[in-house]
Amino acid sequence: MGLMTRSTRSVMEDLDDIIISYGQSDEFSFVFKRISVVLFLCVASQLSSSYPLLYPPGFDGRVVLYPSNRNLRDFLSWRQADCIHSSAPCIPVFWRLVQKGGLTTTQAEDRLKRTLAADKNEILFSEFDINYNKEPVVHRNQMTRWKIWRCLEETVTKSVKLPNEEEEVPVTRTRRRVSAHHCDVIGDEFWEEHPNILKDHC
């Protein structure tokens, strides 16, 4: 997860058109202000090249156009709900069954077939004394990473030669930062706290 986080940061820092991304397991959704085939290909190649491995992975993807911010929020909410209620609980219980329960990967897969999130939570609690709801939020909600353009005024003083004197001229620069957050994107609180994500950046 740490490697995916660093790779995603690299992509978002290099591609200014990405507004926000949501990561779950080995899948990431990137939201663009505008999209083109070139930008789309850049994301896949940048992700691969960001991996410090001898044989970096290859990524594919698809482009989906959403007509409104509401539709976009619904998509991101669906991604997180899917993670919380199905994908995320499966990962810790699967590896507990293999590493602590003595099952092979095939046996663990067979045992988890047709189980619901509540069933997986019960296995974790009754067999491994783990309360899934008290696990770190990053492992429950996976990762939401967004780019916030913050207008930071950095005053740089330089001398400009005028006809009779030199005058100091303040120069304002805008610096962008990428922040990683593990939070709920289904409710309204996240979007109310960060309204600039879906608006034009400064």
N, C-alpha and C. Protein backbone atom coordinates (compact mmCIF):
# COMPACT_ATOMS: atom_id res chain seq x y z
N MET A 1 0.83 -1.20 0.00
CA MET A 1 0.00 0.00 0.00
C MET A 1 0.87 1.26 0.00
N GLY A 2 1.98 1.20 0.74
CA GLY A 2 2.87 2.35 0.77
C GLY A 2 3.47 2.63 -0.60
N LEU A 3 3.78 1.56 -1.33
CA LEU A 3 4.34 1.72 -2.67
C LEU A 3 3.32 2.33 -3.62
N MET A 4 2.08 1.87 -3.54
CA MET A 4 1.03 2.44 -4.37
C MET A 4 0.80 3.91 -4.02
N THR A 5 0.89 4.22 -2.73
CA THR A 5 0.70 5.61 -2.29
C THR A 5 1.77 6.51 -2.90
N ARG A 6 3.02 6.08 -2.82
CA ARG A 6 4.11 6.90 -3.37
C ARG A 6 3.99 7.04 -4.89
N SER A 7 3.59 5.96 -5.54
CA SER A 7 3.45 6.01 -7.00
C SER A 7 2.32 6.95 -7.41
N THR A 8 1.23 6.90 -6.66
CA THR A 8 0.10 7.79 -6.96
C THR A 8 0.49 9.24 -6.74
N ARG A 9 1.22 9.50 -5.67
CA ARG A 9 1.69 10.86 -5.41
C ARG A 9 2.52 11.37 -6.59
N SER A 10 3.39 10.51 -7.10
CA SER A 10 4.24 10.89 -8.22
C SER A 10 3.40 11.27 -9.43
N VAL A 11 2.36 10.48 -9.72
CA VAL A 11 1.50 10.76 -10.86
C VAL A 11 0.78 12.09 -10.68
N MET A 12 0.24 12.31 -9.48
CA MET A 12 -0.55 13.52 -9.25
C MET A 12 0.32 14.77 -9.22
N GLU A 13 1.55 14.63 -8.79
CA GLU A 13 2.44 15.79 -8.78
C GLU A 13 2.88 16.18 -10.19
N ASP A 14 2.95 15.19 -11.07
CA ASP A 14 3.42 15.46 -12.43
C ASP A 14 2.31 15.87 -13.38
N LEU A 15 1.08 15.42 -13.12
CA LEU A 15 -0.03 15.70 -14.03
C LEU A 15 -0.99 16.69 -13.36
N ASP A 16 -0.93 17.92 -13.79
CA ASP A 16 -1.70 18.98 -13.16
C ASP A 16 -3.21 18.82 -13.32
N ASP A 17 -3.64 18.06 -14.31
CA ASP A 17 -5.07 17.96 -14.59
C ASP A 17 -5.79 16.99 -13.66
N ILE A 18 -5.07 16.26 -12.83
CA ILE A 18 -5.73 15.34 -11.90
C ILE A 18 -6.20 16.14 -10.68
N ILE A 19 -7.48 15.99 -10.35
CA ILE A 19 -8.06 16.70 -9.21
C ILE A 19 -8.04 15.85 -7.96
N ILE A 20 -8.45 14.60 -8.09
CA ILE A 20 -8.57 13.71 -6.94
C ILE A 20 -8.41 12.28 -7.43
N SER A 21 -7.95 11.40 -6.56
CA SER A 21 -7.90 9.99 -6.92
C SER A 21 -8.30 9.16 -5.71
N TYR A 22 -8.87 8.00 -6.00
CA TYR A 22 -9.27 7.08 -4.93
C TYR A 22 -8.60 5.75 -5.17
N GLY A 23 -7.96 5.21 -4.13
CA GLY A 23 -7.24 3.96 -4.28
C GLY A 23 -7.83 2.85 -3.45
N GLN A 24 -7.94 1.68 -4.06
CA GLN A 24 -8.43 0.49 -3.37
C GLN A 24 -7.67 -0.70 -3.92
N SER A 25 -6.94 -1.38 -3.03
CA SER A 25 -6.15 -2.53 -3.44
C SER A 25 -5.17 -2.10 -4.53
N ASP A 26 -5.23 -2.72 -5.71
CA ASP A 26 -4.32 -2.35 -6.79
C ASP A 26 -5.03 -1.52 -7.86
N GLU A 27 -6.17 -0.92 -7.50
CA GLU A 27 -6.93 -0.12 -8.45
C GLU A 27 -7.00 1.33 -7.98
N PHE A 28 -6.80 2.24 -8.92
CA PHE A 28 -6.92 3.66 -8.61
C PHE A 28 -7.82 4.33 -9.63
N SER A 29 -8.66 5.22 -9.12
CA SER A 29 -9.51 6.04 -9.98
C SER A 29 -8.99 7.46 -9.93
N PHE A 30 -8.66 8.01 -11.10
CA PHE A 30 -8.16 9.38 -11.19
C PHE A 30 -9.23 10.26 -11.82
N VAL A 31 -9.48 11.40 -11.21
CA VAL A 31 -10.46 12.34 -11.73
C VAL A 31 -9.71 13.51 -12.36
N PHE A 32 -10.03 13.78 -13.62
CA PHE A 32 -9.37 14.84 -14.38
C PHE A 32 -10.28 16.03 -14.58
N LYS A 33 -9.67 17.21 -14.65
CA LYS A 33 -10.41 18.40 -15.07
C LYS A 33 -10.76 18.29 -16.54
N ARG A 34 -9.85 17.73 -17.30
CA ARG A 34 -10.08 17.45 -18.72
C ARG A 34 -9.34 16.17 -19.03
N ILE A 35 -9.72 15.50 -20.08
CA ILE A 35 -9.10 14.22 -20.38
C ILE A 35 -8.80 14.13 -21.87
N SER A 36 -7.74 13.44 -22.18
CA SER A 36 -7.38 13.16 -23.56
C SER A 36 -6.67 11.82 -23.58
N VAL A 37 -6.49 11.28 -24.76
CA VAL A 37 -5.80 9.99 -24.89
C VAL A 37 -4.38 10.11 -24.35
N VAL A 38 -3.74 11.24 -24.61
CA VAL A 38 -2.36 11.43 -24.16
C VAL A 38 -2.28 11.41 -22.64
N LEU A 39 -3.17 12.15 -21.97
CA LEU A 39 -3.18 12.17 -20.51
C LEU A 39 -3.47 10.79 -19.95
N PHE A 40 -4.40 10.10 -20.57
CA PHE A 40 -4.78 8.77 -20.12
C PHE A 40 -3.58 7.82 -20.18
N LEU A 41 -2.84 7.86 -21.28
CA LEU A 41 -1.67 7.00 -21.42
C LEU A 41 -0.57 7.40 -20.45
N CYS A 42 -0.48 8.69 -20.15
CA CYS A 42 0.55 9.17 -19.22
C CYS A 42 0.36 8.57 -17.83
N VAL A 43 -0.89 8.43 -17.39
CA VAL A 43 -1.15 7.90 -16.06
C VAL A 43 -0.63 6.47 -15.94
N ALA A 44 -0.98 5.63 -16.91
CA ALA A 44 -0.56 4.23 -16.87
C ALA A 44 0.96 4.10 -16.90
N SER A 45 1.61 4.85 -17.78
CA SER A 45 3.06 4.75 -17.89
C SER A 45 3.76 5.34 -16.67
N GLN A 46 3.20 6.44 -16.12
CA GLN A 46 3.81 7.06 -14.94
C GLN A 46 3.70 6.15 -13.72
N LEU A 47 2.56 5.49 -13.56
CA LEU A 47 2.41 4.56 -12.44
C LEU A 47 3.44 3.44 -12.53
N SER A 48 3.60 2.89 -13.72
CA SER A 48 4.55 1.79 -13.89
C SER A 48 5.98 2.25 -13.62
N SER A 49 6.34 3.41 -14.15
CA SER A 49 7.72 3.88 -14.00
C SER A 49 8.03 4.33 -12.58
N SER A 50 6.99 4.56 -11.76
CA SER A 50 7.20 5.01 -10.38
C SER A 50 7.57 3.86 -9.45
N TYR A 51 7.41 2.63 -9.91
CA TYR A 51 7.73 1.48 -9.07
C TYR A 51 9.23 1.20 -9.12
N PRO A 52 9.91 1.23 -7.96
CA PRO A 52 11.35 0.96 -7.94
C PRO A 52 11.65 -0.53 -7.98
N LEU A 53 11.18 -1.19 -9.02
CA LEU A 53 11.35 -2.63 -9.13
C LEU A 53 12.09 -2.97 -10.42
N LEU A 54 12.75 -4.12 -10.42
CA LEU A 54 13.46 -4.56 -11.61
C LEU A 54 12.47 -4.80 -12.75
N TYR A 55 11.32 -5.40 -12.40
CA TYR A 55 10.28 -5.65 -13.39
C TYR A 55 9.00 -4.96 -12.92
N PRO A 56 8.84 -3.67 -13.23
CA PRO A 56 7.67 -2.93 -12.75
C PRO A 56 6.39 -3.48 -13.37
N PRO A 57 5.27 -3.33 -12.66
CA PRO A 57 3.99 -3.84 -13.18
C PRO A 57 3.48 -2.98 -14.32
N GLY A 58 2.59 -3.55 -15.09
CA GLY A 58 1.93 -2.79 -16.15
C GLY A 58 0.50 -2.48 -15.74
N PHE A 59 0.01 -1.32 -16.12
CA PHE A 59 -1.34 -0.91 -15.76
C PHE A 59 -2.16 -0.65 -17.01
N ASP A 60 -3.42 -1.01 -16.93
CA ASP A 60 -4.34 -0.64 -18.00
C ASP A 60 -5.44 0.20 -17.37
N GLY A 61 -6.40 0.62 -18.16
CA GLY A 61 -7.46 1.46 -17.61
C GLY A 61 -8.51 1.78 -18.65
N ARG A 62 -9.46 2.58 -18.24
CA ARG A 62 -10.51 3.03 -19.15
C ARG A 62 -10.93 4.43 -18.73
N VAL A 63 -11.53 5.13 -19.66
CA VAL A 63 -12.00 6.49 -19.42
C VAL A 63 -13.51 6.49 -19.33
N VAL A 64 -14.05 7.12 -18.29
CA VAL A 64 -15.49 7.26 -18.12
C VAL A 64 -15.80 8.74 -17.95
N LEU A 65 -16.74 9.25 -18.72
CA LEU A 65 -17.13 10.65 -18.62
C LEU A 65 -18.41 10.76 -17.79
N TYR A 66 -18.35 11.54 -16.72
CA TYR A 66 -19.53 11.75 -15.88
C TYR A 66 -20.10 13.14 -16.14
N PRO A 67 -21.42 13.23 -16.31
CA PRO A 67 -22.03 14.51 -16.71
C PRO A 67 -22.11 15.55 -15.60
N SER A 68 -21.96 15.14 -14.34
CA SER A 68 -22.10 16.11 -13.25
C SER A 68 -21.25 15.70 -12.07
N ASN A 69 -21.01 16.65 -11.16
CA ASN A 69 -20.28 16.35 -9.94
C ASN A 69 -21.04 15.36 -9.06
N ARG A 70 -22.36 15.41 -9.12
CA ARG A 70 -23.16 14.47 -8.33
C ARG A 70 -22.92 13.04 -8.79
N ASN A 71 -22.86 12.85 -10.11
CA ASN A 71 -22.57 11.51 -10.64
C ASN A 71 -21.17 11.06 -10.25
N LEU A 72 -20.24 11.99 -10.26
CA LEU A 72 -18.87 11.67 -9.88
C LEU A 72 -18.80 11.25 -8.41
N ARG A 73 -19.48 12.00 -7.56
CA ARG A 73 -19.52 11.64 -6.14
C ARG A 73 -20.16 10.28 -5.93
N ASP A 74 -21.21 9.99 -6.68
CA ASP A 74 -21.86 8.69 -6.57
C ASP A 74 -20.89 7.57 -6.93
N PHE A 75 -20.08 7.80 -7.96
CA PHE A 75 -19.11 6.78 -8.37
C PHE A 75 -18.07 6.54 -7.27
N LEU A 76 -17.50 7.63 -6.72
CA LEU A 76 -16.51 7.48 -5.66
C LEU A 76 -17.12 6.85 -4.41
N SER A 77 -18.37 7.19 -4.12
CA SER A 77 -19.06 6.59 -2.98
C SER A 77 -19.24 5.09 -3.19
N TRP A 78 -19.59 4.72 -4.41
CA TRP A 78 -19.74 3.30 -4.72
C TRP A 78 -18.42 2.56 -4.57
N ARG A 79 -17.32 3.18 -5.01
CA ARG A 79 -16.00 2.55 -4.87
C ARG A 79 -15.69 2.28 -3.40
N GLN A 80 -15.95 3.27 -2.55
CA GLN A 80 -15.62 3.10 -1.14
C GLN A 80 -16.58 2.13 -0.45
N ALA A 81 -17.86 2.19 -0.80
CA ALA A 81 -18.82 1.26 -0.21
C ALA A 81 -18.48 -0.17 -0.59
N ASP A 82 -18.06 -0.38 -1.82
CA ASP A 82 -17.66 -1.71 -2.26
C ASP A 82 -16.45 -2.20 -1.47
N CYS A 83 -15.52 -1.28 -1.21
CA CYS A 83 -14.34 -1.63 -0.43
C CYS A 83 -14.70 -2.00 1.00
N ILE A 84 -15.55 -1.18 1.62
CA ILE A 84 -15.88 -1.37 3.03
C ILE A 84 -16.67 -2.65 3.25
N HIS A 85 -17.62 -2.92 2.36
CA HIS A 85 -18.55 -4.02 2.60
C HIS A 85 -18.16 -5.34 1.96
N SER A 86 -17.19 -5.32 1.05
CA SER A 86 -16.84 -6.60 0.42
C SER A 86 -15.34 -6.81 0.33
N SER A 87 -14.64 -5.94 -0.39
CA SER A 87 -13.22 -6.18 -0.67
C SER A 87 -12.34 -6.08 0.57
N ALA A 88 -12.46 -4.97 1.31
CA ALA A 88 -11.54 -4.74 2.42
C ALA A 88 -11.59 -5.81 3.51
N PRO A 89 -12.78 -6.23 4.00
CA PRO A 89 -12.77 -7.26 5.04
C PRO A 89 -12.17 -8.57 4.57
N CYS A 90 -12.21 -8.82 3.28
CA CYS A 90 -11.71 -10.09 2.75
C CYS A 90 -10.20 -10.20 2.88
N ILE A 91 -9.50 -9.10 2.71
CA ILE A 91 -8.03 -9.13 2.70
C ILE A 91 -7.46 -9.56 4.05
N PRO A 92 -7.82 -8.89 5.17
CA PRO A 92 -7.23 -9.31 6.45
C PRO A 92 -7.64 -10.71 6.88
N VAL A 93 -8.90 -11.09 6.63
CA VAL A 93 -9.32 -12.42 7.07
C VAL A 93 -8.67 -13.50 6.21
N PHE A 94 -8.47 -13.23 4.93
CA PHE A 94 -7.82 -14.20 4.06
C PHE A 94 -6.40 -14.49 4.55
N TRP A 95 -5.63 -13.43 4.81
CA TRP A 95 -4.24 -13.64 5.20
C TRP A 95 -4.12 -14.17 6.63
N ARG A 96 -5.09 -13.87 7.48
CA ARG A 96 -5.08 -14.47 8.82
C ARG A 96 -5.29 -15.97 8.73
N LEU A 97 -6.20 -16.38 7.87
CA LEU A 97 -6.46 -17.81 7.70
C LEU A 97 -5.23 -18.53 7.17
N VAL A 98 -4.47 -17.85 6.32
CA VAL A 98 -3.28 -18.47 5.73
C VAL A 98 -2.10 -18.43 6.71
N GLN A 99 -1.84 -17.24 7.28
CA GLN A 99 -0.64 -17.06 8.10
C GLN A 99 -0.80 -17.59 9.53
N LYS A 100 -2.00 -17.45 10.08
CA LYS A 100 -2.23 -17.88 11.46
C LYS A 100 -3.11 -19.12 11.57
N GLY A 101 -3.96 -19.32 10.57
CA GLY A 101 -4.90 -20.43 10.64
C GLY A 101 -4.41 -21.71 10.02
N GLY A 102 -3.27 -21.66 9.35
CA GLY A 102 -2.69 -22.87 8.79
C GLY A 102 -3.32 -23.35 7.50
N LEU A 103 -4.15 -22.53 6.86
CA LEU A 103 -4.77 -22.94 5.60
C LEU A 103 -3.88 -22.56 4.42
N THR A 104 -4.04 -23.29 3.35
CA THR A 104 -3.39 -22.89 2.11
C THR A 104 -4.21 -21.76 1.49
N THR A 105 -3.66 -21.09 0.50
CA THR A 105 -4.41 -20.01 -0.14
C THR A 105 -5.68 -20.53 -0.80
N THR A 106 -5.60 -21.72 -1.37
CA THR A 106 -6.79 -22.31 -1.99
C THR A 106 -7.85 -22.64 -0.95
N GLN A 107 -7.42 -23.19 0.18
CA GLN A 107 -8.37 -23.51 1.25
C GLN A 107 -9.01 -22.25 1.82
N ALA A 108 -8.22 -21.19 1.95
CA ALA A 108 -8.76 -19.93 2.47
C ALA A 108 -9.78 -19.35 1.50
N GLU A 109 -9.49 -19.42 0.21
CA GLU A 109 -10.44 -18.94 -0.80
C GLU A 109 -11.74 -19.73 -0.73
N ASP A 110 -11.62 -21.05 -0.60
CA ASP A 110 -12.82 -21.89 -0.54
C ASP A 110 -13.65 -21.56 0.70
N ARG A 111 -12.99 -21.32 1.81
CA ARG A 111 -13.74 -21.03 3.03
C ARG A 111 -14.48 -19.70 2.95
N LEU A 112 -13.91 -18.74 2.25
CA LEU A 112 -14.51 -17.41 2.18
C LEU A 112 -15.52 -17.26 1.05
N LYS A 113 -15.66 -18.29 0.23
CA LYS A 113 -16.64 -18.21 -0.85
C LYS A 113 -18.05 -18.04 -0.28
N ARG A 114 -18.80 -17.15 -0.91
CA ARG A 114 -20.20 -16.90 -0.56
C ARG A 114 -20.37 -16.39 0.87
N THR A 115 -19.32 -15.83 1.46
CA THR A 115 -19.46 -15.22 2.79
C THR A 115 -19.69 -13.72 2.64
N LEU A 116 -20.43 -13.16 3.56
CA LEU A 116 -20.70 -11.73 3.58
C LEU A 116 -19.68 -11.03 4.48
N ALA A 117 -19.72 -9.70 4.48
CA ALA A 117 -18.79 -8.95 5.32
C ALA A 117 -18.96 -9.32 6.79
N ALA A 118 -20.21 -9.51 7.22
CA ALA A 118 -20.46 -9.88 8.62
C ALA A 118 -19.83 -11.23 8.95
N ASP A 119 -19.86 -12.16 8.01
CA ASP A 119 -19.25 -13.47 8.22
C ASP A 119 -17.73 -13.34 8.38
N LYS A 120 -17.14 -12.50 7.55
CA LYS A 120 -15.68 -12.30 7.63
C LYS A 120 -15.31 -11.64 8.95
N ASN A 121 -16.11 -10.66 9.36
CA ASN A 121 -15.85 -9.99 10.64
C ASN A 121 -15.93 -10.98 11.80
N GLU A 122 -16.87 -11.90 11.72
CA GLU A 122 -17.04 -12.90 12.78
C GLU A 122 -15.85 -13.85 12.83
N ILE A 123 -15.32 -14.23 11.68
CA ILE A 123 -14.14 -15.09 11.65
C ILE A 123 -12.96 -14.39 12.31
N LEU A 124 -12.76 -13.12 11.96
CA LEU A 124 -11.67 -12.36 12.55
C LEU A 124 -11.80 -12.27 14.06
N PHE A 125 -13.03 -12.03 14.52
CA PHE A 125 -13.24 -11.82 15.96
C PHE A 125 -13.19 -13.12 16.74
N SER A 126 -13.88 -14.15 16.25
CA SER A 126 -14.00 -15.39 17.02
C SER A 126 -12.74 -16.25 16.95
N GLU A 127 -12.03 -16.20 15.83
CA GLU A 127 -10.87 -17.07 15.67
C GLU A 127 -9.53 -16.38 15.89
N PHE A 128 -9.51 -15.05 15.69
CA PHE A 128 -8.23 -14.35 15.80
C PHE A 128 -8.28 -13.16 16.75
N ASP A 129 -9.41 -12.99 17.43
CA ASP A 129 -9.56 -11.93 18.43
C ASP A 129 -9.28 -10.55 17.85
N ILE A 130 -9.78 -10.32 16.64
CA ILE A 130 -9.60 -9.03 15.96
C ILE A 130 -10.96 -8.40 15.73
N ASN A 131 -11.13 -7.19 16.24
CA ASN A 131 -12.34 -6.42 15.97
C ASN A 131 -12.07 -5.56 14.75
N TYR A 132 -12.64 -5.95 13.62
CA TYR A 132 -12.34 -5.27 12.37
C TYR A 132 -12.68 -3.79 12.42
N ASN A 133 -13.75 -3.43 13.14
CA ASN A 133 -14.17 -2.03 13.21
C ASN A 133 -13.18 -1.15 13.96
N LYS A 134 -12.25 -1.78 14.69
CA LYS A 134 -11.24 -1.01 15.42
C LYS A 134 -9.89 -1.03 14.71
N GLU A 135 -9.84 -1.63 13.55
CA GLU A 135 -8.62 -1.62 12.76
C GLU A 135 -8.36 -0.21 12.23
N PRO A 136 -7.10 0.14 11.92
CA PRO A 136 -6.81 1.47 11.38
C PRO A 136 -7.69 1.78 10.18
N VAL A 137 -8.14 3.02 10.10
CA VAL A 137 -9.10 3.41 9.07
C VAL A 137 -8.54 3.20 7.67
N VAL A 138 -7.22 3.31 7.50
CA VAL A 138 -6.64 3.12 6.17
C VAL A 138 -6.89 1.72 5.65
N HIS A 139 -6.97 0.73 6.56
CA HIS A 139 -7.20 -0.64 6.13
C HIS A 139 -8.69 -0.93 5.92
N ARG A 140 -9.54 -0.06 6.45
CA ARG A 140 -10.97 -0.26 6.27
C ARG A 140 -11.52 0.54 5.09
N ASN A 141 -11.08 1.76 4.95
CA ASN A 141 -11.59 2.62 3.88
C ASN A 141 -10.66 2.71 2.69
N GLN A 142 -9.51 2.03 2.79
CA GLN A 142 -8.48 2.15 1.78
C GLN A 142 -8.02 3.61 1.71
N MET A 143 -7.68 4.09 0.58
CA MET A 143 -7.04 5.40 0.54
C MET A 143 -7.72 6.33 -0.44
N THR A 144 -8.02 7.53 0.03
CA THR A 144 -8.45 8.59 -0.86
C THR A 144 -7.32 9.60 -0.92
N ARG A 145 -6.90 9.89 -2.10
CA ARG A 145 -5.81 10.85 -2.26
C ARG A 145 -6.30 11.93 -3.21
N TRP A 146 -6.19 13.16 -2.77
CA TRP A 146 -6.63 14.22 -3.65
C TRP A 146 -5.60 15.32 -3.73
N LYS A 147 -5.67 16.04 -4.79
CA LYS A 147 -4.76 17.17 -4.97
C LYS A 147 -5.52 18.44 -4.65
N ILE A 148 -5.02 19.19 -3.69
CA ILE A 148 -5.60 20.49 -3.35
C ILE A 148 -4.62 21.57 -3.78
N TRP A 149 -5.09 22.45 -4.60
CA TRP A 149 -4.24 23.58 -5.00
C TRP A 149 -4.40 24.66 -3.95
N ARG A 150 -3.38 24.88 -3.19
CA ARG A 150 -3.43 25.89 -2.14
C ARG A 150 -2.64 27.11 -2.60
N CYS A 151 -3.28 28.25 -2.52
CA CYS A 151 -2.60 29.48 -2.91
C CYS A 151 -1.75 29.97 -1.74
N LEU A 152 -0.50 29.63 -1.77
CA LEU A 152 0.42 30.08 -0.74
C LEU A 152 1.19 31.28 -1.26
N GLU A 153 1.06 32.38 -0.60
CA GLU A 153 1.74 33.59 -1.05
C GLU A 153 3.17 33.62 -0.51
N GLU A 154 4.10 33.44 -1.39
CA GLU A 154 5.51 33.53 -1.04
C GLU A 154 6.05 34.82 -1.66
N THR A 155 6.38 35.76 -0.82
CA THR A 155 6.87 37.04 -1.31
C THR A 155 8.37 36.98 -1.53
N VAL A 156 8.75 37.16 -2.76
CA VAL A 156 10.16 37.17 -3.13
C VAL A 156 10.54 38.60 -3.49
N THR A 157 11.54 39.15 -2.81
CA THR A 157 11.96 40.53 -3.06
C THR A 157 13.14 40.54 -4.03
N LYS A 158 12.98 41.30 -5.07
CA LYS A 158 14.08 41.45 -6.01
C LYS A 158 14.20 42.92 -6.40
N SER A 159 15.38 43.30 -6.81
CA SER A 159 15.63 44.69 -7.18
C SER A 159 15.35 44.92 -8.65
N VAL A 160 14.51 45.91 -8.90
CA VAL A 160 14.20 46.30 -10.27
C VAL A 160 14.75 47.70 -10.49
N LYS A 161 15.60 47.84 -11.48
CA LYS A 161 16.26 49.13 -11.71
C LYS A 161 15.32 50.09 -12.43
N LEU A 162 14.97 51.18 -11.74
CA LEU A 162 14.16 52.24 -12.32
C LEU A 162 15.08 53.38 -12.76
N PRO A 163 14.54 54.36 -13.47
CA PRO A 163 15.40 55.44 -13.99
C PRO A 163 16.26 56.11 -12.94
N ASN A 164 15.68 56.39 -11.77
CA ASN A 164 16.44 57.13 -10.76
C ASN A 164 16.69 56.34 -9.48
N GLU A 165 16.06 55.17 -9.35
CA GLU A 165 16.22 54.42 -8.11
C GLU A 165 15.89 52.94 -8.32
N GLU A 166 16.17 52.16 -7.30
CA GLU A 166 15.80 50.74 -7.31
C GLU A 166 14.61 50.53 -6.38
N GLU A 167 13.67 49.72 -6.81
CA GLU A 167 12.47 49.48 -6.01
C GLU A 167 12.26 47.99 -5.83
N GLU A 168 11.93 47.60 -4.63
CA GLU A 168 11.67 46.19 -4.34
C GLU A 168 10.25 45.82 -4.79
N VAL A 169 10.15 44.78 -5.59
CA VAL A 169 8.86 44.36 -6.14
C VAL A 169 8.49 42.99 -5.55
N PRO A 170 7.35 42.88 -4.84
CA PRO A 170 6.93 41.57 -4.30
C PRO A 170 6.40 40.68 -5.42
N VAL A 171 6.84 39.44 -5.42
CA VAL A 171 6.39 38.47 -6.42
C VAL A 171 5.64 37.35 -5.69
N THR A 172 4.42 37.08 -6.11
CA THR A 172 3.60 36.04 -5.49
C THR A 172 3.64 34.77 -6.32
N ARG A 173 3.97 33.68 -5.68
CA ARG A 173 4.02 32.39 -6.37
C ARG A 173 2.96 31.46 -5.80
N THR A 174 2.42 30.59 -6.65
CA THR A 174 1.44 29.59 -6.22
C THR A 174 2.09 28.22 -6.23
N ARG A 175 2.03 27.56 -5.09
CA ARG A 175 2.64 26.24 -4.97
C ARG A 175 1.56 25.20 -4.71
N ARG A 176 1.61 24.08 -5.42
CA ARG A 176 0.60 23.04 -5.24
C ARG A 176 1.16 21.91 -4.38
N ARG A 177 0.27 21.31 -3.62
CA ARG A 177 0.65 20.21 -2.75
C ARG A 177 -0.32 19.05 -2.94
N VAL A 178 0.17 17.84 -2.75
CA VAL A 178 -0.67 16.65 -2.81
C VAL A 178 -0.79 16.09 -1.40
N SER A 179 -2.02 15.88 -0.95
CA SER A 179 -2.26 15.39 0.40
C SER A 179 -2.96 14.04 0.35
N ALA A 180 -2.51 13.10 1.17
CA ALA A 180 -3.17 11.79 1.27
C ALA A 180 -4.06 11.77 2.50
N HIS A 181 -5.29 11.33 2.33
CA HIS A 181 -6.24 11.29 3.43
C HIS A 181 -6.99 9.96 3.42
N HIS A 182 -7.23 9.43 4.59
CA HIS A 182 -7.99 8.20 4.75
C HIS A 182 -9.29 8.58 5.45
N CYS A 183 -10.36 8.66 4.70
CA CYS A 183 -11.57 9.25 5.25
C CYS A 183 -12.80 8.75 4.50
N ASP A 184 -13.95 9.20 4.97
CA ASP A 184 -15.23 8.84 4.38
C ASP A 184 -15.57 9.81 3.25
N VAL A 185 -15.72 9.29 2.03
CA VAL A 185 -16.11 10.16 0.91
C VAL A 185 -17.57 9.94 0.53
N ILE A 186 -18.26 9.10 1.31
CA ILE A 186 -19.67 8.81 1.01
C ILE A 186 -20.57 9.92 1.54
N GLY A 187 -20.30 10.38 2.75
CA GLY A 187 -21.11 11.43 3.35
C GLY A 187 -20.77 12.81 2.81
N ASP A 188 -21.43 13.82 3.36
CA ASP A 188 -21.25 15.20 2.88
C ASP A 188 -20.08 15.92 3.55
N GLU A 189 -19.65 15.44 4.72
CA GLU A 189 -18.67 16.18 5.51
C GLU A 189 -17.38 16.42 4.74
N PHE A 190 -16.87 15.39 4.09
CA PHE A 190 -15.62 15.51 3.33
C PHE A 190 -15.73 16.60 2.26
N TRP A 191 -16.82 16.59 1.52
CA TRP A 191 -16.99 17.53 0.41
C TRP A 191 -17.27 18.94 0.90
N GLU A 192 -17.93 19.05 2.05
CA GLU A 192 -18.18 20.38 2.62
C GLU A 192 -16.89 21.00 3.17
N GLU A 193 -16.00 20.16 3.69
CA GLU A 193 -14.73 20.66 4.21
C GLU A 193 -13.76 21.04 3.09
N HIS A 194 -13.93 20.42 1.92
CA HIS A 194 -13.02 20.67 0.80
C HIS A 194 -13.81 20.99 -0.47
N PRO A 195 -14.56 22.08 -0.48
CA PRO A 195 -15.40 22.40 -1.64
C PRO A 195 -14.60 22.71 -2.90
N ASN A 196 -13.32 23.08 -2.73
CA ASN A 196 -12.53 23.46 -3.90
C ASN A 196 -12.10 22.28 -4.74
N ILE A 197 -12.28 21.05 -4.25
CA ILE A 197 -11.86 19.88 -5.02
C ILE A 197 -12.60 19.79 -6.34
N LEU A 198 -13.89 20.05 -6.31
CA LEU A 198 -14.70 19.93 -7.52
C LEU A 198 -14.96 21.28 -8.18
N LYS A 199 -14.18 22.28 -7.78
CA LYS A 199 -14.29 23.59 -8.40
C LYS A 199 -12.97 23.91 -9.10
N ASP A 200 -12.97 25.01 -9.82
CA ASP A 200 -11.73 25.45 -10.45
C ASP A 200 -10.72 25.78 -9.36
N HIS A 201 -9.49 25.34 -9.57
CA HIS A 201 -8.45 25.59 -8.58
C HIS A 201 -7.86 26.97 -8.80
N CYS A 202 -7.33 27.51 -7.71
CA CYS A 202 -6.74 28.85 -7.81
C CYS A 202 -5.37 28.78 -8.46
